[in-house]
Protein backbone atom coordinates (compact mmCIF):
# COMPACT_ATOMS: atom_id res chain seq x y z
CA UNK A 1 28.46 -21.73 10.94
CA UNK A 2 29.94 -19.14 13.27
CA UNK A 3 27.60 -17.16 15.46
CA UNK A 4 26.60 -13.81 13.99
CA UNK A 5 25.46 -10.80 15.99
CA UNK A 6 22.64 -8.52 14.99
CA UNK A 7 24.13 -5.51 13.28
CA UNK A 8 22.59 -2.12 13.75
CA UNK A 9 22.39 0.22 10.76
CA UNK A 10 23.20 3.14 13.01
CA UNK A 11 25.77 1.16 14.99
CA UNK A 12 28.02 4.13 15.72
CA UNK A 13 26.85 6.41 18.50
CA UNK A 14 27.02 9.44 16.21
CA UNK A 15 24.56 7.74 13.82
CA UNK A 16 22.23 6.87 16.68
CA UNK A 17 22.12 10.56 17.50
CA UNK A 18 20.96 11.54 14.01
CA UNK A 19 17.64 13.37 13.76
CA UNK A 20 16.21 10.68 11.46
CA UNK A 21 17.13 7.87 13.82
CA UNK A 22 15.75 9.67 16.88
CA UNK A 23 12.53 10.65 15.06
CA UNK A 24 11.96 7.06 13.96
CA UNK A 25 12.58 5.81 17.49
CA UNK A 26 9.99 8.28 18.77
CA UNK A 27 7.42 7.13 16.19
CA UNK A 28 8.11 3.44 16.87
CA UNK A 29 7.64 3.96 20.60
CA UNK A 30 3.96 4.62 19.90
CA UNK A 31 3.59 1.23 18.16
CA UNK A 32 4.49 -0.92 21.14
CA UNK A 33 1.84 -2.63 23.21
CA UNK A 34 2.37 -4.58 26.41
CA UNK A 35 0.21 -7.28 27.93
CA UNK A 36 -0.28 -10.89 26.90
CA UNK A 37 -0.52 -11.17 23.10
CA UNK A 38 -0.26 -14.24 20.83
CA UNK A 39 2.02 -13.73 17.80
CA UNK A 40 1.71 -15.31 14.34
CA UNK A 41 4.42 -17.77 15.39
CA UNK A 42 2.10 -18.99 18.16
CA UNK A 43 4.36 -17.57 20.87
CA UNK A 44 2.78 -15.57 23.66
CA UNK A 45 4.54 -12.31 24.46
CA UNK A 46 4.21 -9.22 26.59
CA UNK A 47 5.90 -7.04 23.92
CA UNK A 48 3.93 -6.41 20.73
CA UNK A 49 5.26 -4.18 17.96
CA UNK A 50 2.84 -3.12 15.18
CA UNK A 51 5.29 -1.92 12.53
CA UNK A 52 2.60 -1.13 9.98
CA UNK A 53 1.54 1.88 12.06
CA UNK A 54 4.87 3.45 11.05
CA UNK A 55 5.75 1.72 7.75
CA UNK A 56 2.41 2.82 6.27
CA UNK A 57 2.82 6.38 7.57
CA UNK A 58 4.41 8.69 4.95
CA UNK A 59 7.08 10.08 7.28
CA UNK A 60 7.74 6.69 8.87
CA UNK A 61 8.02 5.06 5.46
CA UNK A 62 10.72 7.53 4.38
CA UNK A 63 12.63 7.20 7.67
CA UNK A 64 12.58 3.38 7.59
CA UNK A 65 13.30 3.20 3.86
CA UNK A 66 16.26 5.57 4.18
CA UNK A 67 17.89 3.68 7.03
CA UNK A 68 17.28 0.30 5.37
CA UNK A 69 18.59 1.54 2.01
CA UNK A 70 21.74 2.77 3.79
CA UNK A 71 22.20 -0.74 5.20
CA UNK A 72 21.64 -2.34 1.77
CA UNK A 73 24.15 -0.08 0.05
CA UNK A 74 26.78 -0.71 2.75
CA UNK A 75 26.45 -4.44 2.02
CA UNK A 76 26.35 -4.26 -1.78
CA UNK A 77 22.72 -5.43 -2.00
CA UNK A 78 21.10 -5.12 -5.43
CA UNK A 79 17.72 -6.83 -4.81
CA UNK A 80 15.33 -6.49 -1.88
CA UNK A 81 11.94 -7.83 -0.86
CA UNK A 82 10.16 -10.18 1.47
CA UNK A 83 7.01 -11.99 2.47
CA UNK A 84 3.79 -10.10 1.82
CA UNK A 85 2.37 -8.11 3.60
CA UNK A 86 4.82 -6.99 6.30
CA UNK A 87 7.60 -6.48 3.76
CA UNK A 88 5.52 -4.71 1.11
CA UNK A 89 5.65 -1.11 2.39
CA UNK A 90 9.34 -1.52 3.32
CA UNK A 91 10.24 -2.83 -0.14
CA UNK A 92 8.33 -0.01 -1.83
CA UNK A 93 9.91 2.77 0.22
CA UNK A 94 13.42 1.35 -0.31
CA UNK A 95 12.74 1.13 -4.05
CA UNK A 96 11.46 4.70 -4.37
CA UNK A 97 14.40 6.11 -2.41
CA UNK A 98 16.89 4.02 -4.42
CA UNK A 99 15.40 5.33 -7.66
CA UNK A 100 15.61 8.92 -6.37
CA UNK A 101 19.30 8.37 -5.59
CA UNK A 102 19.80 6.68 -8.98
CA UNK A 103 20.86 3.44 -7.31
CA UNK A 104 19.88 0.26 -9.20
CA UNK A 105 17.71 -1.95 -6.97
CA UNK A 106 15.53 -4.89 -7.98
CA UNK A 107 12.36 -5.32 -5.95
CA UNK A 108 10.23 -8.39 -5.33
CA UNK A 109 7.63 -9.76 -2.98
CA UNK A 110 6.91 -13.31 -1.95
CA UNK A 111 3.37 -14.66 -1.71
CA UNK A 112 2.49 -16.80 1.29
CA UNK A 113 1.02 -19.38 -1.08
CA UNK A 114 1.54 -20.15 -4.75
CA UNK A 115 -1.12 -18.66 -7.04
CA UNK A 116 -3.53 -21.23 -8.50
CA UNK A 117 -3.72 -19.31 -11.80
CA UNK A 118 -1.50 -17.30 -14.13
CA UNK A 119 2.20 -18.13 -13.77
CA UNK A 120 1.56 -19.94 -10.47
CA UNK A 121 4.59 -18.44 -8.80
CA UNK A 122 5.29 -17.20 -5.29
CA UNK A 123 8.04 -14.68 -6.11
CA UNK A 124 6.70 -11.62 -7.97
CA UNK A 125 8.61 -8.75 -9.53
CA UNK A 126 10.80 -7.87 -12.51
CA UNK A 127 13.39 -10.51 -13.48
CA UNK A 128 16.51 -10.41 -11.34
CA UNK A 129 19.87 -10.11 -13.05
CA UNK A 130 21.81 -13.34 -13.19
CA UNK A 131 25.32 -13.77 -11.95
CA UNK A 132 27.45 -14.11 -8.88
CA UNK A 133 27.32 -10.37 -8.20
CA UNK A 134 23.63 -10.52 -7.23
CA UNK A 135 23.28 -9.89 -3.50
CA UNK A 136 19.76 -10.23 -2.11
CA UNK A 137 18.30 -8.87 1.11
CA UNK A 138 15.06 -9.80 2.80
CA UNK A 139 13.08 -7.22 4.79
CA UNK A 140 10.37 -7.46 7.43
CA UNK A 141 8.95 -5.22 10.11
CA UNK A 142 9.79 -7.43 13.06
CA UNK A 143 12.02 -10.44 13.78
CA UNK A 144 10.84 -12.97 16.37
CA UNK A 145 11.53 -16.56 15.29
CA UNK A 146 12.58 -15.71 11.73
CA UNK A 147 9.71 -17.73 10.26
CA UNK A 148 8.49 -15.14 7.74
CA UNK A 149 12.01 -14.36 6.53
CA UNK A 150 12.85 -18.06 6.19
CA UNK A 151 9.60 -18.65 4.30
CA UNK A 152 10.62 -15.91 1.84
CA UNK A 153 14.12 -17.41 1.59
CA UNK A 154 12.67 -20.84 0.78
CA UNK A 155 10.62 -19.42 -2.10
CA UNK A 156 13.62 -17.54 -3.54
CA UNK A 157 15.82 -20.64 -3.41
CA UNK A 158 13.11 -22.92 -4.80
CA UNK A 159 11.88 -20.69 -7.64
CA UNK A 160 14.93 -18.62 -8.59
CA UNK A 161 17.91 -20.46 -7.15
CA UNK A 162 18.77 -17.26 -5.26
CA UNK A 163 20.19 -17.38 -1.73
CA UNK A 164 19.63 -14.17 0.30
CA UNK A 165 22.51 -13.11 2.52
CA UNK A 166 21.01 -10.23 4.53
CA UNK A 167 17.79 -9.73 6.51
CA UNK A 168 16.91 -6.18 7.52
CA UNK A 169 14.18 -5.58 10.10
CA UNK A 170 12.77 -2.59 11.94
CA UNK A 171 12.78 -4.32 15.35
CA UNK A 172 14.55 -7.48 16.49
CA UNK A 173 12.51 -8.89 19.38
CA UNK A 174 15.67 -10.74 20.55
CA UNK A 175 13.84 -14.07 20.80
CA UNK A 176 16.05 -16.38 18.74
CA UNK A 177 15.28 -15.33 15.18
CA UNK A 178 18.76 -13.95 14.63
CA UNK A 179 20.30 -17.35 15.45
CA UNK A 180 17.93 -19.19 13.09
CA UNK A 181 18.85 -16.82 10.26
CA UNK A 182 22.58 -17.13 11.03
CA UNK A 183 22.27 -20.91 10.67
CA UNK A 184 21.22 -20.24 7.05
CA UNK A 185 24.10 -17.81 6.47
CA UNK A 186 21.89 -14.72 6.70
CA UNK A 187 23.22 -11.62 8.47
CA UNK A 188 20.59 -9.81 10.55
CA UNK A 189 20.53 -6.03 10.37
CA UNK A 190 18.13 -4.44 12.89
CA UNK A 191 17.29 -0.76 13.05
CA UNK A 192 16.27 -1.30 16.69
CA UNK A 193 16.08 -4.06 19.28
CA UNK A 194 13.39 -4.79 21.83
CA UNK A 195 15.84 -3.69 24.53
CA UNK A 196 15.93 -0.19 23.00
CA UNK A 197 12.33 0.31 24.14
CA UNK A 198 12.31 -1.37 27.56
């Protein structure tokens, strides 16, 4: 598969100058910690981004949801979700904003483990429409190795036979996750990169 580059939602300089983009950048700057920290992937880093400090903030939720929804619409996406819990506030804000704009958007979330009771499924949400026109995007707060996004992808393929084609994240840590996703045919869309804050 050919190498894909991370796409920015606000890729044009005029978009990067928008009030919404600049306000979100300001809010995200307060979520970055430096010093030796071990990530969920097991990697040790000196750059830690706690996206929930902004994605669970009302203003931050609207800013992130609006920019991500813009990216989804530009790519013809009609279903969005990801691995709980990092993707949950993102999915919800995208869904609310899509409904307000009268844009059809299916939402889902993926459990880390299959439930032992009920329907025993990992993918939760209303049924997705069938057909070749279905374009699915995964969301997450941060991209490091791509593990969470690939775990969500695996559940979608296994349970629904659905192959996501886009992954949208708040911050790409620029540590190889983009390449792993590209190997699975998934385009990475990042609102920001680690280099935007250093």
